[in-house]
Protein backbone atom coordinates (compact mmCIF):
# COMPACT_ATOMS: atom_id res chain seq x y z
CA UNK A 1 80.93 97.18 104.04
CA UNK A 2 78.04 100.51 103.15
CA UNK A 3 75.21 97.79 101.29
CA UNK A 4 73.18 101.04 99.91
CA UNK A 5 70.20 100.54 97.40
CA UNK A 6 70.02 102.90 94.17
CA UNK A 7 67.52 103.26 91.49
CA UNK A 8 67.64 103.38 87.96
CA UNK A 9 69.73 106.79 87.51
CA UNK A 10 70.57 107.75 90.84
CA UNK A 11 73.91 107.68 92.57
CA UNK A 12 76.03 108.25 95.28
CA UNK A 13 79.18 110.90 95.58
CA UNK A 14 82.13 109.70 97.29
CA UNK A 15 84.21 112.25 98.93
CA UNK A 16 83.01 115.15 97.28
CA UNK A 17 84.24 114.21 93.94
CA UNK A 18 83.13 110.76 93.03
CA UNK A 19 80.20 109.59 91.76
CA UNK A 20 78.37 106.15 90.50
CA UNK A 21 75.68 106.66 89.54
CA UNK A 22 72.91 103.21 88.23
CA UNK A 23 72.94 103.60 84.00
CA UNK A 24 71.40 100.30 83.48
CA UNK A 25 69.69 97.18 85.34
CA UNK A 26 68.71 94.42 83.54
CA UNK A 27 68.20 91.34 84.88
CA UNK A 28 70.61 90.63 87.18
CA UNK A 29 73.99 92.92 86.09
CA UNK A 30 74.19 96.41 87.30
CA UNK A 31 75.82 98.74 84.65
CA UNK A 32 77.58 101.64 86.67
CA UNK A 33 78.66 105.19 85.61
CA UNK A 34 81.18 106.44 87.13
CA UNK A 35 83.05 109.95 87.36
CA UNK A 36 85.90 110.80 89.14
CA UNK A 37 89.31 113.15 88.93
CA UNK A 38 92.07 112.00 86.79
CA UNK A 39 94.16 111.33 90.06
CA UNK A 40 92.25 108.48 91.11
CA UNK A 41 93.14 104.69 89.92
CA UNK A 42 90.22 102.55 89.47
CA UNK A 43 91.03 98.87 88.56
CA UNK A 44 88.30 96.18 88.32
CA UNK A 45 88.78 93.62 91.10
CA UNK A 46 90.52 90.70 88.90
CA UNK A 47 92.86 92.77 88.06
CA UNK A 48 94.05 93.94 91.98
CA UNK A 49 94.16 90.48 92.57
CA UNK A 50 96.33 89.42 89.11
CA UNK A 51 98.90 92.74 90.42
CA UNK A 52 98.95 92.03 93.34
CA UNK A 53 100.32 88.49 92.96
CA UNK A 54 102.79 89.99 89.87
CA UNK A 55 103.90 91.58 92.95
CA UNK A 56 104.72 89.08 95.61
CA UNK A 57 105.93 86.34 92.24
CA UNK A 58 108.04 88.65 92.00
CA UNK A 59 109.03 89.50 95.02
CA UNK A 60 109.96 85.95 95.63
CA UNK A 61 111.98 86.23 92.76
CA UNK A 62 114.12 88.78 93.70
CA UNK A 63 114.55 87.21 96.61
CA UNK A 64 116.58 84.92 95.67
CA UNK A 65 118.53 87.92 93.57
CA UNK A 66 120.80 88.27 95.70
CA UNK A 67 122.66 85.14 96.43
CA UNK A 68 122.71 85.06 92.27
CA UNK A 69 124.55 87.70 91.81
CA UNK A 70 126.59 86.77 95.26
CA UNK A 71 127.90 84.07 93.50
CA UNK A 72 128.23 85.29 90.33
CA UNK A 73 130.28 88.57 91.50
CA UNK A 74 132.51 85.19 94.38
CA UNK A 75 136.26 86.24 92.90
CA UNK A 76 137.52 82.50 91.40
CA UNK A 77 139.16 79.79 93.52
CA UNK A 78 143.54 80.47 93.95
CA UNK A 79 145.24 78.27 91.08
CA UNK A 80 142.20 78.00 89.86
CA UNK A 81 141.50 78.88 85.82
CA UNK A 82 139.02 79.97 83.57
CA UNK A 83 137.65 76.65 81.21
CA UNK A 84 138.65 77.07 77.43
CA UNK A 85 136.32 78.84 75.39
């Protein structure tokens, strides 16, 4: 991890097209301003973690899906009759 010190109004440029600028400092809180191309994705860490957990849960559910689908797709055993409905 890279650590940098920046003062109010100073910036860091990443890959020549992403700018991160210190726009305000209040106590222990620093407000950052970002300038980046429209194709770039910028998410807060907690949002990325929530998406990752949701994707893992969906993958576990999807892993069980073929077994359920396989049960539904099985033909009825010979001699069995469908239930009255």
